[in-house]
Amino acid sequence: MATLFYPGCQIKKDYPEASKKLAEYIQSKRPVEVVGCCRVDHGKSTQEDTALVVCNNCANIIAESGDPGSIEFVWEIIDNDPDFPFPDYHGEKMTIQDCWLAVEKRHVQDAIRSLMRKMNIQVVELPENHEKTTFCGMNLTAECNPSNAKLAPKRYVEEGGHMFRPLSPEARQAYFTDYCKQFTTDKVVCYCKSCRGALLAGGADARHILQLLFPEG
């Protein structure tokens, strides 16, 4: 039995230092095999293995195109670690933005909120949260990525094809700007690249949970 760690291509690109710290942390906690892109290496896992992921899309692709015994998110490992050195955000209120790519994964949603509370953050909920979220920013305002449709057809075509509503650049910007008007806190926390990109485009100060857990400096 092995644990295959998929660190997430875009996560590593967007947050190189935090991703490095995350990988070092994970490797200090358990033996893992660091693998590459889920689009290429989704088939490496077997029923004897655990796929350890950072990215919601990686999880969906591996679930359909791979064959792991289980899929685990790094957020759950950190949340269950009594020795993790959580930064202190001094009771600041931050809104949590749930992601449609993980809409059915309550264990992930709960872990993110637990991590926020352990960082001394007051969690502010949106009306469309948990299983009600229909937001995934850039992803859902464009055509479905052909690679995603091929590797996770049940999720992105058969069950979720109706969620993709391509917008013109102008309409997309207007949607993001209007969406961000609902926030009542200075910062919004997300756990998805696409969500964060859309929130930033709409004018919100959006932070990925990885940035909060492993701050620079």
N, C-alpha and C. Protein backbone atom coordinates (compact mmCIF):
# COMPACT_ATOMS: atom_id res chain seq x y z
N MET A 1 0.85 -1.20 0.00
CA MET A 1 0.00 0.00 0.00
C MET A 1 0.88 1.25 0.00
N ALA A 2 0.56 2.18 -0.88
CA ALA A 2 1.35 3.41 -1.00
C ALA A 2 0.42 4.62 -0.96
N THR A 3 0.99 5.75 -0.58
CA THR A 3 0.29 7.02 -0.67
C THR A 3 0.91 7.82 -1.80
N LEU A 4 0.12 8.10 -2.84
CA LEU A 4 0.59 8.86 -3.99
C LEU A 4 0.13 10.30 -3.82
N PHE A 5 1.08 11.21 -3.75
CA PHE A 5 0.78 12.62 -3.49
C PHE A 5 0.77 13.40 -4.80
N TYR A 6 -0.40 13.95 -5.12
CA TYR A 6 -0.56 14.80 -6.30
C TYR A 6 -0.59 16.26 -5.82
N PRO A 7 0.53 17.00 -5.94
CA PRO A 7 0.61 18.34 -5.38
C PRO A 7 -0.15 19.41 -6.15
N GLY A 8 -0.61 19.09 -7.36
CA GLY A 8 -1.40 20.06 -8.13
C GLY A 8 -0.52 20.99 -8.96
N CYS A 9 -0.61 20.86 -10.27
CA CYS A 9 0.25 21.66 -11.15
C CYS A 9 0.04 23.16 -10.97
N GLN A 10 -1.21 23.57 -11.00
CA GLN A 10 -1.50 25.00 -10.89
C GLN A 10 -1.21 25.54 -9.49
N ILE A 11 -1.44 24.72 -8.50
CA ILE A 11 -1.14 25.14 -7.12
C ILE A 11 0.36 25.41 -6.98
N LYS A 12 1.17 24.50 -7.51
CA LYS A 12 2.63 24.67 -7.44
C LYS A 12 3.06 25.92 -8.21
N LYS A 13 2.40 26.18 -9.32
CA LYS A 13 2.74 27.35 -10.13
C LYS A 13 2.35 28.65 -9.43
N ASP A 14 1.17 28.67 -8.84
CA ASP A 14 0.67 29.90 -8.21
C ASP A 14 1.30 30.18 -6.85
N TYR A 15 1.59 29.11 -6.10
CA TYR A 15 2.11 29.28 -4.74
C TYR A 15 3.34 28.39 -4.56
N PRO A 16 4.44 28.73 -5.21
CA PRO A 16 5.62 27.84 -5.17
C PRO A 16 6.19 27.64 -3.78
N GLU A 17 6.30 28.69 -2.99
CA GLU A 17 6.89 28.57 -1.67
C GLU A 17 5.97 27.81 -0.72
N ALA A 18 4.68 28.15 -0.75
CA ALA A 18 3.72 27.45 0.11
C ALA A 18 3.61 25.98 -0.29
N SER A 19 3.67 25.72 -1.59
CA SER A 19 3.60 24.33 -2.06
C SER A 19 4.81 23.53 -1.61
N LYS A 20 5.95 24.17 -1.63
CA LYS A 20 7.17 23.51 -1.15
C LYS A 20 7.06 23.17 0.33
N LYS A 21 6.55 24.12 1.11
CA LYS A 21 6.38 23.88 2.54
C LYS A 21 5.35 22.78 2.78
N LEU A 22 4.29 22.76 1.98
CA LEU A 22 3.27 21.73 2.12
C LEU A 22 3.87 20.35 1.83
N ALA A 23 4.63 20.25 0.75
CA ALA A 23 5.24 18.96 0.40
C ALA A 23 6.19 18.48 1.48
N GLU A 24 6.97 19.40 2.04
CA GLU A 24 7.89 19.03 3.12
C GLU A 24 7.12 18.56 4.34
N TYR A 25 6.03 19.25 4.62
CA TYR A 25 5.20 18.86 5.77
C TYR A 25 4.61 17.47 5.57
N ILE A 26 4.01 17.24 4.40
CA ILE A 26 3.39 15.94 4.12
C ILE A 26 4.42 14.82 4.22
N GLN A 27 5.60 15.06 3.67
CA GLN A 27 6.64 14.04 3.68
C GLN A 27 7.18 13.79 5.08
N SER A 28 7.02 14.76 5.97
CA SER A 28 7.46 14.56 7.36
C SER A 28 6.45 13.75 8.16
N LYS A 29 5.23 13.62 7.63
CA LYS A 29 4.17 12.95 8.37
C LYS A 29 3.94 11.51 7.95
N ARG A 30 4.26 11.20 6.71
CA ARG A 30 4.05 9.83 6.24
C ARG A 30 4.88 9.59 4.98
N PRO A 31 5.22 8.36 4.69
CA PRO A 31 5.92 8.07 3.44
C PRO A 31 4.98 8.30 2.26
N VAL A 32 5.39 9.12 1.32
CA VAL A 32 4.58 9.38 0.14
C VAL A 32 5.44 9.29 -1.11
N GLU A 33 4.78 8.97 -2.20
CA GLU A 33 5.42 9.04 -3.51
C GLU A 33 4.83 10.25 -4.23
N VAL A 34 5.67 11.24 -4.49
CA VAL A 34 5.20 12.44 -5.17
C VAL A 34 5.11 12.14 -6.66
N VAL A 35 3.91 12.32 -7.21
CA VAL A 35 3.70 12.05 -8.62
C VAL A 35 3.40 13.36 -9.34
N GLY A 36 3.31 13.29 -10.67
CA GLY A 36 3.16 14.49 -11.46
C GLY A 36 1.72 14.91 -11.66
N CYS A 37 1.41 15.25 -12.89
CA CYS A 37 0.09 15.80 -13.23
C CYS A 37 -0.97 14.71 -13.21
N CYS A 38 -2.13 15.01 -12.67
CA CYS A 38 -3.22 14.04 -12.61
C CYS A 38 -3.70 13.64 -14.00
N ARG A 39 -3.56 14.54 -14.95
CA ARG A 39 -4.02 14.24 -16.31
C ARG A 39 -3.17 13.15 -16.96
N VAL A 40 -1.91 13.06 -16.51
CA VAL A 40 -0.99 12.08 -17.06
C VAL A 40 -0.88 10.86 -16.14
N ASP A 41 -0.86 11.12 -14.84
CA ASP A 41 -0.55 10.06 -13.87
C ASP A 41 -1.74 9.57 -13.06
N HIS A 42 -2.97 9.84 -13.54
CA HIS A 42 -4.15 9.41 -12.78
C HIS A 42 -4.23 7.90 -12.63
N GLY A 43 -3.63 7.17 -13.56
CA GLY A 43 -3.72 5.73 -13.52
C GLY A 43 -2.67 5.03 -12.69
N LYS A 44 -1.82 5.80 -12.02
CA LYS A 44 -0.74 5.17 -11.24
C LYS A 44 -1.24 4.49 -9.97
N SER A 45 -2.33 4.96 -9.44
CA SER A 45 -2.81 4.40 -8.17
C SER A 45 -3.60 3.12 -8.41
N THR A 46 -3.57 2.23 -7.43
CA THR A 46 -4.32 0.98 -7.47
C THR A 46 -5.23 0.91 -6.26
N GLN A 47 -6.01 -0.13 -6.18
CA GLN A 47 -6.93 -0.32 -5.05
C GLN A 47 -6.19 -0.45 -3.73
N GLU A 48 -4.91 -0.69 -3.80
CA GLU A 48 -4.10 -0.80 -2.58
C GLU A 48 -3.59 0.56 -2.10
N ASP A 49 -3.79 1.58 -2.91
CA ASP A 49 -3.16 2.88 -2.66
C ASP A 49 -4.15 3.95 -2.24
N THR A 50 -3.60 5.01 -1.64
CA THR A 50 -4.34 6.23 -1.35
C THR A 50 -3.81 7.35 -2.24
N ALA A 51 -4.70 8.05 -2.90
CA ALA A 51 -4.33 9.24 -3.66
C ALA A 51 -4.53 10.45 -2.75
N LEU A 52 -3.46 11.19 -2.51
CA LEU A 52 -3.49 12.36 -1.65
C LEU A 52 -3.45 13.60 -2.53
N VAL A 53 -4.46 14.46 -2.41
CA VAL A 53 -4.62 15.57 -3.35
C VAL A 53 -4.75 16.91 -2.64
N VAL A 54 -4.47 17.95 -3.42
CA VAL A 54 -4.66 19.33 -3.00
C VAL A 54 -5.84 19.94 -3.77
N CYS A 55 -5.96 19.54 -5.03
CA CYS A 55 -6.87 20.18 -5.99
C CYS A 55 -8.17 19.41 -6.13
N ASN A 56 -9.28 20.13 -6.17
CA ASN A 56 -10.60 19.50 -6.34
C ASN A 56 -10.72 18.81 -7.69
N ASN A 57 -10.18 19.44 -8.73
CA ASN A 57 -10.26 18.84 -10.06
C ASN A 57 -9.41 17.58 -10.15
N CYS A 58 -8.26 17.59 -9.52
CA CYS A 58 -7.44 16.38 -9.46
C CYS A 58 -8.23 15.23 -8.85
N ALA A 59 -8.92 15.51 -7.78
CA ALA A 59 -9.71 14.48 -7.10
C ALA A 59 -10.77 13.90 -8.03
N ASN A 60 -11.43 14.77 -8.79
CA ASN A 60 -12.48 14.31 -9.69
C ASN A 60 -11.92 13.47 -10.83
N ILE A 61 -10.79 13.88 -11.37
CA ILE A 61 -10.17 13.13 -12.46
C ILE A 61 -9.67 11.78 -11.97
N ILE A 62 -8.99 11.77 -10.85
CA ILE A 62 -8.46 10.52 -10.32
C ILE A 62 -9.59 9.55 -9.96
N ALA A 63 -10.70 10.08 -9.44
CA ALA A 63 -11.82 9.23 -9.05
C ALA A 63 -12.41 8.49 -10.25
N GLU A 64 -12.44 9.16 -11.41
CA GLU A 64 -13.05 8.53 -12.58
C GLU A 64 -12.06 7.81 -13.49
N SER A 65 -10.88 8.38 -13.66
CA SER A 65 -9.92 7.79 -14.59
C SER A 65 -8.84 6.97 -13.90
N GLY A 66 -8.78 7.03 -12.59
CA GLY A 66 -7.84 6.21 -11.83
C GLY A 66 -8.58 5.10 -11.12
N ASP A 67 -7.87 4.42 -10.25
CA ASP A 67 -8.49 3.33 -9.49
C ASP A 67 -7.90 3.25 -8.09
N PRO A 68 -7.91 4.37 -7.35
CA PRO A 68 -7.33 4.34 -6.00
C PRO A 68 -8.26 3.67 -5.01
N GLY A 69 -7.66 3.13 -3.97
CA GLY A 69 -8.47 2.58 -2.89
C GLY A 69 -9.22 3.68 -2.18
N SER A 70 -8.59 4.85 -2.05
CA SER A 70 -9.23 6.00 -1.42
C SER A 70 -8.57 7.29 -1.91
N ILE A 71 -9.28 8.37 -1.76
CA ILE A 71 -8.76 9.71 -2.08
C ILE A 71 -8.84 10.54 -0.82
N GLU A 72 -7.74 11.17 -0.47
CA GLU A 72 -7.68 11.99 0.75
C GLU A 72 -7.15 13.37 0.38
N PHE A 73 -7.66 14.38 1.05
CA PHE A 73 -7.20 15.75 0.83
C PHE A 73 -6.19 16.13 1.90
N VAL A 74 -5.21 16.91 1.50
CA VAL A 74 -4.18 17.35 2.46
C VAL A 74 -4.81 18.14 3.61
N TRP A 75 -5.92 18.81 3.33
CA TRP A 75 -6.56 19.63 4.37
C TRP A 75 -7.00 18.76 5.54
N GLU A 76 -7.40 17.55 5.28
CA GLU A 76 -7.83 16.65 6.34
C GLU A 76 -6.65 16.20 7.20
N ILE A 77 -5.52 15.98 6.57
CA ILE A 77 -4.32 15.59 7.33
C ILE A 77 -3.91 16.71 8.28
N ILE A 78 -3.87 17.93 7.75
CA ILE A 78 -3.48 19.07 8.58
C ILE A 78 -4.49 19.28 9.71
N ASP A 79 -5.76 19.15 9.37
CA ASP A 79 -6.81 19.37 10.37
C ASP A 79 -6.73 18.36 11.51
N ASN A 80 -6.27 17.17 11.21
CA ASN A 80 -6.18 16.12 12.23
C ASN A 80 -4.84 16.06 12.93
N ASP A 81 -3.97 17.02 12.66
CA ASP A 81 -2.63 17.04 13.25
C ASP A 81 -2.61 17.99 14.46
N PRO A 82 -2.53 17.46 15.67
CA PRO A 82 -2.54 18.33 16.85
C PRO A 82 -1.27 19.15 16.99
N ASP A 83 -0.24 18.82 16.22
CA ASP A 83 1.04 19.52 16.34
C ASP A 83 1.29 20.53 15.22
N PHE A 84 0.32 20.72 14.33
CA PHE A 84 0.55 21.66 13.23
C PHE A 84 0.64 23.09 13.79
N PRO A 85 1.66 23.86 13.35
CA PRO A 85 1.84 25.23 13.85
C PRO A 85 0.92 26.23 13.14
N PHE A 86 -0.31 26.28 13.55
CA PHE A 86 -1.27 27.15 12.87
C PHE A 86 -0.94 28.63 13.08
N PRO A 87 -0.92 29.42 12.00
CA PRO A 87 -0.77 30.87 12.16
C PRO A 87 -1.99 31.43 12.89
N ASP A 88 -1.84 32.58 13.49
CA ASP A 88 -2.92 33.21 14.23
C ASP A 88 -3.36 34.47 13.48
N TYR A 89 -4.64 34.48 13.04
CA TYR A 89 -5.18 35.63 12.33
C TYR A 89 -6.07 36.49 13.23
N HIS A 90 -5.91 36.30 14.53
CA HIS A 90 -6.41 37.23 15.55
C HIS A 90 -7.91 37.51 15.47
N GLY A 91 -8.68 36.49 15.16
CA GLY A 91 -10.13 36.64 15.19
C GLY A 91 -10.72 37.38 14.01
N GLU A 92 -9.95 37.59 12.97
CA GLU A 92 -10.46 38.32 11.80
C GLU A 92 -11.60 37.54 11.15
N LYS A 93 -12.63 38.24 10.73
CA LYS A 93 -13.74 37.63 10.01
C LYS A 93 -13.36 37.47 8.54
N MET A 94 -13.57 36.28 8.01
CA MET A 94 -13.33 36.01 6.60
C MET A 94 -14.46 35.16 6.06
N THR A 95 -14.88 35.46 4.85
CA THR A 95 -15.95 34.70 4.20
C THR A 95 -15.37 33.45 3.56
N ILE A 96 -16.10 32.35 3.64
CA ILE A 96 -15.67 31.11 2.99
C ILE A 96 -16.45 30.94 1.69
N GLN A 97 -15.72 30.71 0.60
CA GLN A 97 -16.33 30.46 -0.70
C GLN A 97 -16.20 28.98 -1.04
N ASP A 98 -17.31 28.29 -1.04
CA ASP A 98 -17.29 26.88 -1.43
C ASP A 98 -17.21 26.75 -2.94
N CYS A 99 -16.69 25.60 -3.38
CA CYS A 99 -16.41 25.36 -4.80
C CYS A 99 -17.31 24.27 -5.36
N TRP A 100 -17.89 24.52 -6.53
CA TRP A 100 -18.77 23.53 -7.14
C TRP A 100 -18.02 22.24 -7.47
N LEU A 101 -16.72 22.31 -7.72
CA LEU A 101 -15.95 21.10 -8.02
C LEU A 101 -15.94 20.13 -6.84
N ALA A 102 -16.24 20.65 -5.66
CA ALA A 102 -16.28 19.81 -4.45
C ALA A 102 -17.63 19.92 -3.76
N VAL A 103 -18.67 20.19 -4.53
CA VAL A 103 -19.98 20.51 -3.95
C VAL A 103 -20.52 19.38 -3.08
N GLU A 104 -20.19 18.13 -3.42
CA GLU A 104 -20.72 16.99 -2.66
C GLU A 104 -19.76 16.51 -1.58
N LYS A 105 -18.60 17.15 -1.47
CA LYS A 105 -17.57 16.68 -0.54
C LYS A 105 -17.66 17.45 0.78
N ARG A 106 -18.62 17.08 1.59
CA ARG A 106 -18.82 17.79 2.85
C ARG A 106 -17.60 17.65 3.76
N HIS A 107 -16.91 16.52 3.68
CA HIS A 107 -15.73 16.33 4.53
C HIS A 107 -14.64 17.34 4.20
N VAL A 108 -14.54 17.73 2.93
CA VAL A 108 -13.56 18.75 2.54
C VAL A 108 -14.02 20.12 3.02
N GLN A 109 -15.28 20.43 2.81
CA GLN A 109 -15.83 21.71 3.24
C GLN A 109 -15.68 21.89 4.76
N ASP A 110 -15.94 20.83 5.49
CA ASP A 110 -15.82 20.89 6.95
C ASP A 110 -14.36 21.06 7.38
N ALA A 111 -13.46 20.38 6.68
CA ALA A 111 -12.04 20.50 7.02
C ALA A 111 -11.54 21.92 6.80
N ILE A 112 -11.96 22.56 5.72
CA ILE A 112 -11.54 23.93 5.44
C ILE A 112 -12.01 24.87 6.55
N ARG A 113 -13.24 24.72 6.96
CA ARG A 113 -13.77 25.57 8.02
C ARG A 113 -13.06 25.31 9.35
N SER A 114 -12.77 24.05 9.61
CA SER A 114 -12.05 23.71 10.84
C SER A 114 -10.66 24.34 10.84
N LEU A 115 -9.99 24.29 9.70
CA LEU A 115 -8.66 24.91 9.59
C LEU A 115 -8.74 26.41 9.84
N MET A 116 -9.75 27.05 9.28
CA MET A 116 -9.91 28.49 9.49
C MET A 116 -10.09 28.80 10.98
N ARG A 117 -10.93 28.03 11.64
CA ARG A 117 -11.15 28.28 13.07
C ARG A 117 -9.88 28.05 13.87
N LYS A 118 -9.09 27.04 13.48
CA LYS A 118 -7.84 26.77 14.19
C LYS A 118 -6.79 27.85 13.94
N MET A 119 -6.99 28.63 12.88
CA MET A 119 -6.11 29.79 12.63
C MET A 119 -6.69 31.06 13.24
N ASN A 120 -7.69 30.88 14.14
CA ASN A 120 -8.32 32.00 14.82
C ASN A 120 -8.97 32.95 13.82
N ILE A 121 -9.72 32.38 12.88
CA ILE A 121 -10.51 33.13 11.91
C ILE A 121 -11.98 32.89 12.19
N GLN A 122 -12.76 33.96 12.22
CA GLN A 122 -14.21 33.83 12.34
C GLN A 122 -14.78 33.57 10.95
N VAL A 123 -15.43 32.44 10.78
CA VAL A 123 -15.93 32.02 9.47
C VAL A 123 -17.29 32.65 9.20
N VAL A 124 -17.37 33.36 8.09
CA VAL A 124 -18.63 33.97 7.65
C VAL A 124 -19.15 33.18 6.46
N GLU A 125 -20.39 32.72 6.55
CA GLU A 125 -20.97 31.88 5.51
C GLU A 125 -21.75 32.70 4.48
N LEU A 126 -21.78 32.18 3.26
CA LEU A 126 -22.61 32.74 2.21
C LEU A 126 -23.94 31.99 2.18
N PRO A 127 -25.00 32.61 1.65
CA PRO A 127 -26.27 31.89 1.54
C PRO A 127 -26.14 30.62 0.70
N GLU A 128 -25.37 30.68 -0.39
CA GLU A 128 -25.14 29.51 -1.24
C GLU A 128 -23.83 28.86 -0.82
N ASN A 129 -23.92 28.01 0.19
CA ASN A 129 -22.72 27.34 0.69
C ASN A 129 -22.93 25.83 0.66
N HIS A 130 -21.89 25.10 1.04
CA HIS A 130 -21.97 23.63 1.11
C HIS A 130 -22.56 23.07 -0.19
N GLU A 131 -23.61 22.26 -0.06
CA GLU A 131 -24.20 21.60 -1.23
C GLU A 131 -25.00 22.55 -2.12
N LYS A 132 -25.17 23.79 -1.68
CA LYS A 132 -25.94 24.76 -2.47
C LYS A 132 -25.06 25.58 -3.42
N THR A 133 -23.74 25.46 -3.29
CA THR A 133 -22.89 26.32 -4.10
C THR A 133 -22.97 25.97 -5.58
N THR A 134 -23.00 26.98 -6.41
CA THR A 134 -22.98 26.81 -7.87
C THR A 134 -21.84 27.62 -8.47
N PHE A 135 -20.85 27.95 -7.65
CA PHE A 135 -19.77 28.83 -8.08
C PHE A 135 -18.49 28.06 -8.32
N CYS A 136 -17.88 28.31 -9.45
CA CYS A 136 -16.52 27.87 -9.69
C CYS A 136 -15.85 28.82 -10.68
N GLY A 137 -16.18 30.10 -10.52
CA GLY A 137 -15.50 31.17 -11.22
C GLY A 137 -15.25 30.97 -12.69
N MET A 138 -13.96 30.97 -13.04
CA MET A 138 -13.55 30.89 -14.43
C MET A 138 -14.05 29.60 -15.10
N ASN A 139 -14.03 28.50 -14.37
CA ASN A 139 -14.39 27.21 -14.96
C ASN A 139 -15.79 27.20 -15.55
N LEU A 140 -16.75 27.71 -14.83
CA LEU A 140 -18.15 27.58 -15.24
C LEU A 140 -18.62 28.70 -16.14
N THR A 141 -17.76 29.67 -16.42
CA THR A 141 -18.14 30.75 -17.34
C THR A 141 -17.47 30.56 -18.70
N ALA A 142 -17.00 29.35 -18.94
CA ALA A 142 -16.39 28.99 -20.22
C ALA A 142 -16.85 27.59 -20.59
N GLU A 143 -16.53 27.15 -21.79
CA GLU A 143 -16.82 25.77 -22.18
C GLU A 143 -16.04 24.82 -21.27
N CYS A 144 -16.60 23.65 -21.04
CA CYS A 144 -15.90 22.65 -20.24
C CYS A 144 -14.58 22.28 -20.90
N ASN A 145 -13.53 22.26 -20.10
CA ASN A 145 -12.22 21.86 -20.60
C ASN A 145 -12.33 20.47 -21.22
N PRO A 146 -11.93 20.32 -22.50
CA PRO A 146 -12.06 19.00 -23.15
C PRO A 146 -11.36 17.88 -22.40
N SER A 147 -10.23 18.19 -21.79
CA SER A 147 -9.50 17.18 -21.03
C SER A 147 -10.30 16.74 -19.81
N ASN A 148 -10.93 17.70 -19.13
CA ASN A 148 -11.76 17.35 -17.99
C ASN A 148 -12.95 16.48 -18.41
N ALA A 149 -13.56 16.85 -19.54
CA ALA A 149 -14.71 16.10 -20.04
C ALA A 149 -14.32 14.67 -20.39
N LYS A 150 -13.13 14.49 -20.91
CA LYS A 150 -12.68 13.15 -21.29
C LYS A 150 -12.32 12.31 -20.07
N LEU A 151 -11.65 12.93 -19.09
CA LEU A 151 -11.15 12.18 -17.95
C LEU A 151 -12.16 12.02 -16.82
N ALA A 152 -13.14 12.91 -16.75
CA ALA A 152 -14.19 12.81 -15.72
C ALA A 152 -15.55 13.10 -16.35
N PRO A 153 -15.96 12.27 -17.31
CA PRO A 153 -17.20 12.55 -18.05
C PRO A 153 -18.46 12.51 -17.20
N LYS A 154 -18.49 11.64 -16.22
CA LYS A 154 -19.69 11.57 -15.39
C LYS A 154 -19.90 12.89 -14.66
N ARG A 155 -18.81 13.42 -14.10
CA ARG A 155 -18.91 14.65 -13.31
C ARG A 155 -19.16 15.87 -14.19
N TYR A 156 -18.42 15.99 -15.28
CA TYR A 156 -18.42 17.23 -16.05
C TYR A 156 -19.32 17.23 -17.28
N VAL A 157 -19.80 16.06 -17.69
CA VAL A 157 -20.66 15.99 -18.88
C VAL A 157 -22.03 15.44 -18.52
N GLU A 158 -22.06 14.22 -18.01
CA GLU A 158 -23.34 13.55 -17.77
C GLU A 158 -24.15 14.24 -16.66
N GLU A 159 -23.48 14.55 -15.55
CA GLU A 159 -24.19 15.14 -14.41
C GLU A 159 -24.05 16.65 -14.33
N GLY A 160 -22.91 17.17 -14.78
CA GLY A 160 -22.67 18.60 -14.59
C GLY A 160 -22.55 19.43 -15.84
N GLY A 161 -22.88 18.85 -16.98
CA GLY A 161 -22.72 19.60 -18.23
C GLY A 161 -23.54 20.88 -18.28
N HIS A 162 -24.70 20.87 -17.62
CA HIS A 162 -25.57 22.05 -17.64
C HIS A 162 -25.00 23.22 -16.84
N MET A 163 -23.97 22.97 -16.04
CA MET A 163 -23.40 24.04 -15.20
C MET A 163 -22.49 24.97 -15.99
N PHE A 164 -22.01 24.54 -17.13
CA PHE A 164 -21.09 25.35 -17.91
C PHE A 164 -21.87 26.31 -18.81
N ARG A 165 -21.72 27.60 -18.53
CA ARG A 165 -22.46 28.63 -19.25
C ARG A 165 -21.47 29.69 -19.75
N PRO A 166 -20.95 29.49 -20.94
CA PRO A 166 -19.94 30.42 -21.47
C PRO A 166 -20.47 31.85 -21.56
N LEU A 167 -19.63 32.77 -21.12
CA LEU A 167 -19.97 34.19 -21.17
C LEU A 167 -18.91 34.94 -21.97
N SER A 168 -19.31 36.03 -22.55
CA SER A 168 -18.34 36.91 -23.20
C SER A 168 -17.44 37.52 -22.14
N PRO A 169 -16.27 38.01 -22.51
CA PRO A 169 -15.40 38.64 -21.51
C PRO A 169 -16.09 39.75 -20.73
N GLU A 170 -16.91 40.52 -21.42
CA GLU A 170 -17.60 41.63 -20.75
C GLU A 170 -18.65 41.12 -19.77
N ALA A 171 -19.42 40.13 -20.20
CA ALA A 171 -20.45 39.57 -19.32
C ALA A 171 -19.83 38.85 -18.14
N ARG A 172 -18.71 38.18 -18.37
CA ARG A 172 -18.01 37.48 -17.29
C ARG A 172 -17.54 38.47 -16.23
N GLN A 173 -16.95 39.56 -16.68
CA GLN A 173 -16.46 40.56 -15.73
C GLN A 173 -17.62 41.15 -14.94
N ALA A 174 -18.72 41.43 -15.60
CA ALA A 174 -19.88 42.00 -14.90
C ALA A 174 -20.41 41.01 -13.87
N TYR A 175 -20.43 39.73 -14.22
CA TYR A 175 -20.90 38.70 -13.29
C TYR A 175 -20.00 38.61 -12.07
N PHE A 176 -18.70 38.60 -12.26
CA PHE A 176 -17.78 38.51 -11.14
C PHE A 176 -17.88 39.74 -10.24
N THR A 177 -17.97 40.90 -10.85
CA THR A 177 -18.08 42.14 -10.07
C THR A 177 -19.35 42.15 -9.24
N ASP A 178 -20.45 41.76 -9.86
CA ASP A 178 -21.73 41.73 -9.14
C ASP A 178 -21.71 40.67 -8.04
N TYR A 179 -21.11 39.53 -8.32
CA TYR A 179 -21.05 38.44 -7.34
C TYR A 179 -20.31 38.89 -6.08
N CYS A 180 -19.26 39.64 -6.26
CA CYS A 180 -18.42 40.03 -5.13
C CYS A 180 -19.05 41.12 -4.26
N LYS A 181 -20.14 41.70 -4.72
CA LYS A 181 -20.81 42.74 -3.92
C LYS A 181 -21.45 42.18 -2.66
N GLN A 182 -21.66 40.88 -2.62
CA GLN A 182 -22.32 40.27 -1.47
C GLN A 182 -21.41 40.12 -0.25
N PHE A 183 -20.10 40.20 -0.46
CA PHE A 183 -19.18 39.94 0.64
C PHE A 183 -19.21 41.08 1.65
N THR A 184 -19.21 40.70 2.92
CA THR A 184 -19.24 41.69 4.01
C THR A 184 -17.92 41.73 4.77
N THR A 185 -16.95 40.92 4.33
CA THR A 185 -15.65 40.87 5.01
C THR A 185 -14.56 41.35 4.04
N ASP A 186 -13.44 41.76 4.60
CA ASP A 186 -12.35 42.23 3.76
C ASP A 186 -11.73 41.10 2.94
N LYS A 187 -11.68 39.90 3.50
CA LYS A 187 -11.03 38.77 2.83
C LYS A 187 -12.03 37.63 2.60
N VAL A 188 -11.79 36.92 1.51
CA VAL A 188 -12.58 35.74 1.17
C VAL A 188 -11.63 34.56 1.01
N VAL A 189 -11.96 33.45 1.63
CA VAL A 189 -11.10 32.26 1.60
C VAL A 189 -11.68 31.23 0.65
N CYS A 190 -10.83 30.67 -0.20
CA CYS A 190 -11.28 29.63 -1.12
C CYS A 190 -10.26 28.50 -1.15
N TYR A 191 -10.63 27.42 -1.82
CA TYR A 191 -9.73 26.27 -1.93
C TYR A 191 -9.72 25.76 -3.36
N CYS A 192 -9.79 26.72 -4.30
CA CYS A 192 -9.85 26.42 -5.72
C CYS A 192 -9.22 27.57 -6.50
N LYS A 193 -8.37 27.25 -7.47
CA LYS A 193 -7.73 28.27 -8.30
C LYS A 193 -8.75 29.08 -9.09
N SER A 194 -9.71 28.39 -9.70
CA SER A 194 -10.69 29.07 -10.53
C SER A 194 -11.57 30.01 -9.71
N CYS A 195 -11.98 29.55 -8.54
CA CYS A 195 -12.77 30.41 -7.66
C CYS A 195 -11.99 31.67 -7.30
N ARG A 196 -10.74 31.49 -6.91
CA ARG A 196 -9.93 32.63 -6.50
C ARG A 196 -9.72 33.59 -7.66
N GLY A 197 -9.46 33.07 -8.84
CA GLY A 197 -9.25 33.94 -10.00
C GLY A 197 -10.45 34.80 -10.28
N ALA A 198 -11.64 34.22 -10.17
CA ALA A 198 -12.86 34.98 -10.42
C ALA A 198 -13.10 36.02 -9.34
N LEU A 199 -12.84 35.65 -8.09
CA LEU A 199 -13.04 36.60 -6.99
C LEU A 199 -12.08 37.77 -7.09
N LEU A 200 -10.85 37.50 -7.45
CA LEU A 200 -9.89 38.58 -7.64
C LEU A 200 -10.34 39.49 -8.78
N ALA A 201 -10.82 38.88 -9.87
CA ALA A 201 -11.29 39.67 -11.01
C ALA A 201 -12.48 40.53 -10.63
N GLY A 202 -13.28 40.04 -9.68
CA GLY A 202 -14.45 40.80 -9.23
C GLY A 202 -14.14 41.85 -8.19
N GLY A 203 -12.89 41.93 -7.77
CA GLY A 203 -12.49 42.96 -6.83
C GLY A 203 -12.35 42.52 -5.39
N ALA A 204 -12.50 41.23 -5.13
CA ALA A 204 -12.38 40.73 -3.75
C ALA A 204 -10.93 40.42 -3.41
N ASP A 205 -10.61 40.52 -2.14
CA ASP A 205 -9.29 40.12 -1.64
C ASP A 205 -9.40 38.64 -1.30
N ALA A 206 -9.17 37.80 -2.30
CA ALA A 206 -9.36 36.36 -2.14
C ALA A 206 -8.05 35.68 -1.78
N ARG A 207 -8.10 34.80 -0.81
CA ARG A 207 -6.93 34.07 -0.34
C ARG A 207 -7.19 32.57 -0.44
N HIS A 208 -6.25 31.86 -1.02
CA HIS A 208 -6.34 30.40 -1.03
C HIS A 208 -5.97 29.90 0.36
N ILE A 209 -6.63 28.85 0.81
CA ILE A 209 -6.37 28.32 2.15
C ILE A 209 -4.90 27.97 2.32
N LEU A 210 -4.22 27.56 1.25
CA LEU A 210 -2.81 27.23 1.33
C LEU A 210 -1.97 28.45 1.71
N GLN A 211 -2.35 29.61 1.21
CA GLN A 211 -1.64 30.86 1.53
C GLN A 211 -1.76 31.17 3.02
N LEU A 212 -2.90 30.88 3.59
CA LEU A 212 -3.11 31.18 5.00
C LEU A 212 -2.36 30.20 5.89
N LEU A 213 -2.33 28.94 5.50
CA LEU A 213 -1.67 27.92 6.30
C LEU A 213 -0.14 28.06 6.27
N PHE A 214 0.39 28.46 5.13
CA PHE A 214 1.83 28.60 4.96
C PHE A 214 2.17 30.00 4.46
N PRO A 215 1.98 31.01 5.31
CA PRO A 215 2.23 32.39 4.87
C PRO A 215 3.70 32.65 4.59
N GLU A 216 3.94 33.55 3.67
CA GLU A 216 5.32 33.92 3.37
C GLU A 216 5.90 34.76 4.49
N GLY A 217 7.19 34.64 4.65
CA GLY A 217 7.88 35.46 5.65
C GLY A 217 7.84 34.87 7.04
